[in-house]
Amino acid sequence: MTICRSNESTLYEFQLEPYNPLPPVPPKSLWHRFKRILYFIQFLIKSIPVWIKVIIEWLWPPAPKSIAGWTALVTGGSNGIGHATALELARNGCHVIIADLDVVNGKKTVKELLNLGVKAAMYKVDVSVYEEVVKLGRKIESDCGPVDIVVNSAGVLPFLVDDEYTPENLRRAVNVNVMGLFWTTATFLPGMYARGRGHIVGLSSRAAYTPLGYMRIYNTTKYAVRGFMEDLHDEIYHAGYEGRVVTTSVFPEIISTRRETTEHLLSLPGSSELTVPTPEEVGRDIVNAIRNNKRKILVPDFLQTWQFALFE
C-alpha cells in the first residue's frame, strides 16, 4: 500500500499549503451496491474460522506463557499499581526495571525486587519528555539488555490540584498520561519487532467507557490511552507480528492507592458503592493478562469490556 505524503517536513508547513479539495465522488452504481453485499457475505464466510478458534480457546484455553527470564520496564513503578505490578512480575521470574521520578520509593522497590531473586534497576525519568525516554532505552539496552515487556503505569491526576484547568496542568496531564505512551512505544516497539517477542501494557481507566463527572482532563487522557492501544493492536497485526508482539489494555475501577485520590473519587456521584480493589489485585490481574495474552481487562473483572461498552 502506498501512502501519499507531502514534501513538507512538518505539520505546520503542511497547514500552510493551499487547500486542494477532492473532486466530487461519482454516485455509486447498482453494481457497486451489489458488490458491497458480496463483500459482506465474503466477510461472514471468512470470519467462520476466527469464531471457531475463539470457541476452541474458550473451551480449552491455552496454557499461560512463561515470562521467566524476560525483562520488564514499569513506568511509574515506585508506587501504587506500578509498584504492585513490578513485584508480581518479579514473582513470575521477570527482571524488572523501574522508571519514575520518585527516586526514594523507586530504590525501595528495587530492594524488594532483588529480595525476590531477580535483577532490578531504577532510573529517574520523566516519561513525558521524548529525549529522556530515548536516552532511557539506550541506557537499559547497555546495562540490562533488551526490554520484552513495557507496562505504562505512569500517570498524573490533575483534579487533585486547586485549578486543574490551567494550561500548565492540562499540558502536564496530556504529556504524561498520553504522550508518555507514545514515547515508550516508539522507543521499545522496534526492538520487539526485531526479536519477534514483546508485550505492551497500557493503563487506561473504566472512565474510558463511563466517564466520571468533574474529571474532564483525566477522562480525556484515558480515552486517548484506550484509542492508542486499540490502534496499536491493529498496527501490530498489519505489520505481521500478531501473536508475537501483544498488547493489553487495562481498565481499572477506583483503586485504593493514594488516600487523597481514593477519597476524592469515592465522593463523586455514583461512586460510593463501587468495589475498590487494592493495587496488589490489579498487579496480579495485569500479570495474569500478560501471561494469557489478554487484549483487554477490567479490574475488578465482574464485567467484560464488551459488556461495559453497553453503558457508553
Protein backbone atom coordinates (compact mmCIF):
# COMPACT_ATOMS: atom_id res chain seq x y z
CA MET A 1 0.00 0.00 0.00
CA THR A 2 1.39 3.40 -0.98
CA ILE A 3 0.68 6.36 1.26
CA CYS A 4 0.98 9.76 -0.39
CA ARG A 5 2.86 12.25 1.74
CA SER A 6 3.52 15.95 1.39
CA ASN A 7 7.05 17.10 0.66
CA GLU A 8 6.77 19.42 3.65
CA SER A 9 8.70 18.27 6.72
CA THR A 10 6.27 19.36 9.45
CA LEU A 11 2.54 19.51 10.02
CA TYR A 12 2.85 23.26 10.41
CA GLU A 13 4.37 23.58 6.94
CA PHE A 14 1.66 21.28 5.58
CA GLN A 15 -1.00 23.59 7.01
CA LEU A 16 0.49 26.50 5.06
CA GLU A 17 -0.04 24.68 1.76
CA PRO A 18 -3.02 25.81 -0.37
CA TYR A 19 -6.14 23.74 0.26
CA ASN A 20 -6.66 21.25 -2.56
CA PRO A 21 -10.18 19.77 -2.40
CA LEU A 22 -11.00 16.31 -3.70
CA PRO A 23 -13.10 16.30 -6.90
CA PRO A 24 -16.74 15.23 -6.41
CA VAL A 25 -17.10 11.48 -5.97
CA PRO A 26 -19.39 10.00 -8.63
CA PRO A 27 -22.55 8.33 -7.29
CA LYS A 28 -22.37 4.60 -6.70
CA SER A 29 -23.98 2.43 -9.34
CA LEU A 30 -26.27 -0.52 -8.67
CA TRP A 31 -23.30 -2.81 -9.38
CA HIS A 32 -21.25 -1.14 -6.63
CA ARG A 33 -24.09 -1.66 -4.17
CA PHE A 34 -24.35 -5.32 -5.18
CA LYS A 35 -20.58 -5.72 -4.65
CA ARG A 36 -20.96 -4.38 -1.13
CA ILE A 37 -23.41 -7.18 -0.37
CA LEU A 38 -20.99 -9.72 -1.85
CA TYR A 39 -18.14 -8.32 0.26
CA PHE A 40 -20.29 -8.61 3.38
CA ILE A 41 -21.13 -12.24 2.60
CA GLN A 42 -17.43 -12.89 1.95
CA PHE A 43 -16.60 -11.31 5.31
CA LEU A 44 -19.07 -13.59 7.10
CA ILE A 45 -17.61 -16.68 5.44
CA LYS A 46 -14.01 -15.68 6.21
CA SER A 47 -14.90 -14.98 9.84
CA ILE A 48 -16.06 -18.57 10.45
CA PRO A 49 -12.51 -19.89 11.22
CA VAL A 50 -12.00 -16.96 13.60
CA TRP A 51 -15.13 -17.81 15.57
CA ILE A 52 -14.17 -21.49 15.62
CA LYS A 53 -10.78 -20.52 17.07
CA VAL A 54 -12.45 -18.29 19.68
CA ILE A 55 -14.79 -21.09 20.77
CA ILE A 56 -11.97 -23.65 20.95
CA GLU A 57 -9.78 -21.32 23.05
CA TRP A 58 -12.75 -20.57 25.29
CA LEU A 59 -13.43 -24.28 25.87
CA TRP A 60 -9.77 -25.33 26.03
CA PRO A 61 -7.72 -22.25 26.93
CA PRO A 62 -4.00 -22.48 26.10
CA ALA A 63 -1.52 -22.71 28.94
CA PRO A 64 -0.24 -19.33 30.19
CA LYS A 65 3.08 -18.34 28.65
CA SER A 66 6.16 -18.27 30.83
CA ILE A 67 7.78 -14.86 31.29
CA ALA A 68 10.61 -16.14 33.48
CA GLY A 69 13.86 -14.55 32.37
CA TRP A 70 12.11 -11.77 30.47
CA THR A 71 12.96 -8.14 31.19
CA ALA A 72 10.11 -5.77 32.03
CA LEU A 73 10.07 -1.98 32.17
CA VAL A 74 7.45 -0.48 34.50
CA THR A 75 6.93 3.27 34.25
CA GLY A 76 5.55 4.79 37.43
CA GLY A 77 6.77 1.68 39.23
CA SER A 78 7.75 3.34 42.50
CA ASN A 79 4.22 3.44 43.90
CA GLY A 80 0.67 2.19 43.53
CA ILE A 81 -0.32 -0.05 40.65
CA GLY A 82 3.11 0.18 39.03
CA HIS A 83 4.83 -0.94 42.24
CA ALA A 84 2.44 -3.86 42.73
CA THR A 85 2.78 -4.93 39.09
CA ALA A 86 6.57 -4.81 39.30
CA LEU A 87 6.56 -7.14 42.32
CA GLU A 88 4.12 -9.54 40.65
CA LEU A 89 6.29 -9.64 37.53
CA ALA A 90 9.28 -10.49 39.71
CA ARG A 91 7.33 -13.30 41.40
CA ASN A 92 6.86 -14.72 37.91
CA GLY A 93 10.59 -14.64 37.23
CA CYS A 94 10.84 -11.32 35.36
CA HIS A 95 13.79 -8.99 35.73
CA VAL A 96 12.28 -5.56 36.39
CA ILE A 97 13.35 -2.00 35.60
CA ILE A 98 11.60 0.91 37.29
CA ALA A 99 11.30 4.28 35.52
CA ASP A 100 9.94 7.01 37.77
CA LEU A 101 10.56 10.49 39.14
CA ASP A 102 10.18 9.21 42.72
CA VAL A 103 13.72 8.03 43.34
CA VAL A 104 13.28 7.34 47.07
CA ASN A 105 10.43 4.85 46.68
CA GLY A 106 11.95 3.60 43.44
CA LYS A 107 15.07 2.46 45.28
CA LYS A 108 12.93 0.81 47.95
CA THR A 109 11.08 -1.05 45.21
CA VAL A 110 14.37 -2.24 43.71
CA LYS A 111 15.37 -3.72 47.09
CA GLU A 112 12.05 -5.58 47.26
CA LEU A 113 12.59 -6.89 43.73
CA LEU A 114 16.13 -8.06 44.47
CA ASN A 115 14.83 -9.95 47.51
CA LEU A 116 12.59 -11.90 45.12
CA GLY A 117 15.67 -13.24 43.34
CA VAL A 118 15.53 -11.26 40.09
CA LYS A 119 17.65 -8.50 38.60
CA ALA A 120 16.34 -4.98 39.14
CA ALA A 121 17.28 -1.37 38.44
CA MET A 122 15.76 2.07 38.80
CA TYR A 123 16.14 5.11 36.55
CA LYS A 124 14.87 8.61 37.19
CA VAL A 125 12.91 9.50 34.05
CA ASP A 126 10.16 11.91 33.06
CA VAL A 127 8.21 9.85 30.53
CA SER A 128 6.60 12.98 29.10
CA VAL A 129 9.97 14.05 27.65
CA TYR A 130 10.80 12.20 24.44
CA GLU A 131 14.55 12.71 24.72
CA GLU A 132 14.61 11.25 28.24
CA VAL A 133 12.72 8.13 27.13
CA VAL A 134 15.06 7.59 24.17
CA LYS A 135 18.06 8.01 26.48
CA LEU A 136 16.45 5.53 28.88
CA GLY A 137 16.10 2.99 26.08
CA ARG A 138 19.80 3.24 25.25
CA LYS A 139 20.78 3.03 28.91
CA ILE A 140 18.65 -0.08 29.53
CA GLU A 141 19.98 -1.76 26.38
CA SER A 142 23.53 -1.13 27.58
CA ASP A 143 23.02 -2.03 31.26
CA CYS A 144 20.33 -4.71 31.22
CA GLY A 145 19.73 -5.88 27.66
CA PRO A 146 16.56 -5.71 25.55
CA VAL A 147 13.13 -5.00 27.05
CA ASP A 148 10.45 -7.64 26.48
CA ILE A 149 7.55 -6.10 28.42
CA VAL A 150 6.59 -2.45 28.86
CA VAL A 151 3.97 -1.60 31.49
CA ASN A 152 2.86 2.03 31.09
CA SER A 153 1.53 2.87 34.54
CA ALA A 154 2.97 6.38 34.97
CA GLY A 155 0.18 8.91 35.26
CA VAL A 156 -0.95 12.14 36.91
CA LEU A 157 -4.31 13.15 38.37
CA PRO A 158 -4.87 16.85 37.69
CA PHE A 159 -8.09 17.02 39.75
CA LEU A 160 -6.00 16.88 42.94
CA VAL A 161 -4.74 20.44 42.42
CA ASP A 162 -6.66 23.66 43.08
CA ASP A 163 -7.12 24.61 39.43
CA GLU A 164 -6.81 21.61 37.16
CA TYR A 165 -7.86 23.53 34.05
CA THR A 166 -4.82 25.79 33.78
CA PRO A 167 -2.85 25.34 30.54
CA GLU A 168 0.14 24.10 32.53
CA ASN A 169 -1.84 21.36 34.31
CA LEU A 170 -3.60 20.35 31.10
CA ARG A 171 -0.34 20.02 29.19
CA ARG A 172 1.24 18.05 32.05
CA ALA A 173 -1.64 15.57 32.19
CA VAL A 174 -1.66 15.01 28.43
CA ASN A 175 2.12 14.77 28.20
CA VAL A 176 2.46 12.19 30.99
CA ASN A 177 -0.73 10.15 30.54
CA VAL A 178 -0.78 10.12 26.74
CA MET A 179 2.49 11.24 25.19
CA GLY A 180 4.48 9.05 27.57
CA LEU A 181 2.73 6.09 25.95
CA PHE A 182 3.75 7.32 22.50
CA TRP A 183 7.37 7.77 23.55
CA THR A 184 7.81 4.37 25.24
CA THR A 185 6.17 2.60 22.31
CA ALA A 186 8.30 4.44 19.76
CA THR A 187 11.42 3.55 21.76
CA PHE A 188 10.82 -0.13 22.55
CA LEU A 189 8.44 -1.49 19.88
CA PRO A 190 11.07 -1.67 17.08
CA GLY A 191 13.24 -3.93 19.25
CA MET A 192 10.27 -6.18 19.95
CA TYR A 193 9.65 -6.46 16.21
CA ALA A 194 13.31 -7.30 15.61
CA ARG A 195 13.30 -10.07 18.24
CA GLY A 196 9.79 -11.28 17.41
CA ARG A 197 8.73 -11.10 21.05
CA GLY A 198 7.17 -8.44 23.26
CA HIS A 199 4.22 -7.19 25.25
CA ILE A 200 2.99 -3.62 25.76
CA VAL A 201 0.52 -2.77 28.54
CA GLY A 202 -1.43 0.49 28.59
CA LEU A 203 -3.15 1.58 31.80
CA SER A 204 -6.42 3.29 30.94
CA SER A 205 -9.45 3.50 33.25
CA ARG A 206 -13.07 2.46 33.39
CA ALA A 207 -13.60 6.21 32.84
CA ALA A 208 -12.68 5.48 29.21
CA TYR A 209 -16.04 3.69 28.97
CA THR A 210 -18.19 5.52 31.52
CA PRO A 211 -16.54 8.83 32.47
CA LEU A 212 -16.86 10.25 35.94
CA GLY A 213 -18.03 13.83 36.24
CA TYR A 214 -15.75 16.69 37.24
CA MET A 215 -12.68 14.98 35.76
CA ARG A 216 -12.65 16.28 32.21
CA ILE A 217 -8.88 16.28 31.66
CA TYR A 218 -8.27 12.90 33.30
CA ASN A 219 -11.16 11.26 31.42
CA THR A 220 -9.91 12.69 28.13
CA THR A 221 -6.43 11.26 28.64
CA LYS A 222 -7.82 7.82 29.49
CA TYR A 223 -10.00 7.83 26.37
CA ALA A 224 -6.81 8.66 24.47
CA VAL A 225 -4.98 5.69 26.02
CA ARG A 226 -7.85 3.42 25.02
CA GLY A 227 -7.73 4.70 21.43
CA PHE A 228 -3.95 4.45 21.27
CA MET A 229 -3.96 0.83 22.43
CA GLU A 230 -6.74 -0.12 20.01
CA ASP A 231 -4.81 1.28 17.07
CA LEU A 232 -1.50 -0.16 18.27
CA HIS A 233 -3.08 -3.62 18.33
CA ASP A 234 -4.21 -3.21 14.71
CA GLU A 235 -0.85 -1.76 13.68
CA ILE A 236 0.97 -4.80 15.08
CA TYR A 237 -1.47 -7.10 13.27
CA HIS A 238 -0.92 -5.39 9.91
CA ALA A 239 2.86 -5.40 10.47
CA GLY A 240 2.67 -9.20 10.66
CA TYR A 241 3.58 -9.66 14.34
CA GLU A 242 0.22 -10.77 15.75
CA GLY A 243 0.69 -13.34 18.50
CA ARG A 244 4.36 -12.49 18.91
CA VAL A 245 4.08 -8.86 19.97
CA VAL A 246 0.98 -8.44 22.11
CA THR A 247 -0.93 -5.55 23.69
CA THR A 248 -3.06 -5.42 26.82
CA SER A 249 -5.33 -2.53 27.76
CA VAL A 250 -6.22 -2.28 31.46
CA PHE A 251 -9.39 -0.55 32.66
CA PRO A 252 -9.37 -0.35 36.48
CA GLU A 253 -12.14 0.93 38.72
CA ILE A 254 -11.25 3.24 41.59
CA ILE A 255 -8.14 1.75 43.21
CA SER A 256 -7.05 2.18 46.83
CA THR A 257 -3.76 3.93 46.11
CA ARG A 258 -3.13 7.47 47.38
CA ARG A 259 -5.55 8.34 50.17
CA GLU A 260 -6.46 11.77 48.80
CA THR A 261 -7.08 10.30 45.34
CA THR A 262 -9.35 7.49 46.53
CA GLU A 263 -11.32 9.74 48.88
CA HIS A 264 -11.89 12.29 46.12
CA LEU A 265 -13.07 9.68 43.62
CA LEU A 266 -15.41 7.99 46.10
CA SER A 267 -17.00 11.37 46.83
CA LEU A 268 -18.18 11.70 43.22
CA PRO A 269 -21.85 10.93 42.43
CA GLY A 270 -22.49 7.21 41.96
CA SER A 271 -19.03 6.13 43.14
CA SER A 272 -19.61 5.38 46.81
CA GLU A 273 -20.99 1.87 46.14
CA LEU A 274 -18.15 0.77 43.87
CA THR A 275 -15.78 -2.05 44.74
CA VAL A 276 -12.31 -0.65 45.49
CA PRO A 277 -9.58 -3.16 44.58
CA THR A 278 -6.08 -2.93 46.02
CA PRO A 279 -3.02 -2.25 43.85
CA GLU A 280 -1.93 -5.82 44.55
CA GLU A 281 -5.13 -7.18 43.00
CA VAL A 282 -4.61 -5.01 39.93
CA GLY A 283 -0.97 -6.10 39.67
CA ARG A 284 -1.95 -9.77 39.75
CA ASP A 285 -4.62 -9.22 37.09
CA ILE A 286 -2.17 -7.35 34.84
CA VAL A 287 0.46 -10.09 35.03
CA ASN A 288 -2.19 -12.76 34.51
CA ALA A 289 -3.34 -10.84 31.41
CA ILE A 290 0.24 -10.67 30.12
CA ARG A 291 0.77 -14.40 30.60
CA ASN A 292 -2.54 -15.22 28.88
CA ASN A 293 -2.19 -12.62 26.08
CA LYS A 294 -5.46 -10.92 27.02
CA ARG A 295 -6.17 -7.90 24.88
CA LYS A 296 -8.37 -6.07 27.43
CA ILE A 297 -9.17 -6.49 31.10
CA LEU A 298 -11.41 -4.72 33.58
CA VAL A 299 -10.42 -4.64 37.23
CA PRO A 300 -12.35 -5.97 39.09
CA ASP A 301 -13.40 -8.41 36.39
CA PHE A 302 -17.09 -8.91 37.24
CA LEU A 303 -17.82 -7.41 33.82
CA GLN A 304 -16.08 -7.91 30.49
CA THR A 305 -15.12 -4.90 28.37
CA TRP A 306 -17.73 -5.70 25.72
CA GLN A 307 -20.40 -5.70 28.45
CA PHE A 308 -19.06 -2.46 29.89
CA ALA A 309 -19.28 -0.88 26.43
CA LEU A 310 -23.08 -1.27 26.62
CA PHE A 311 -23.10 1.55 29.18
CA GLU A 312 -21.42 4.02 26.81
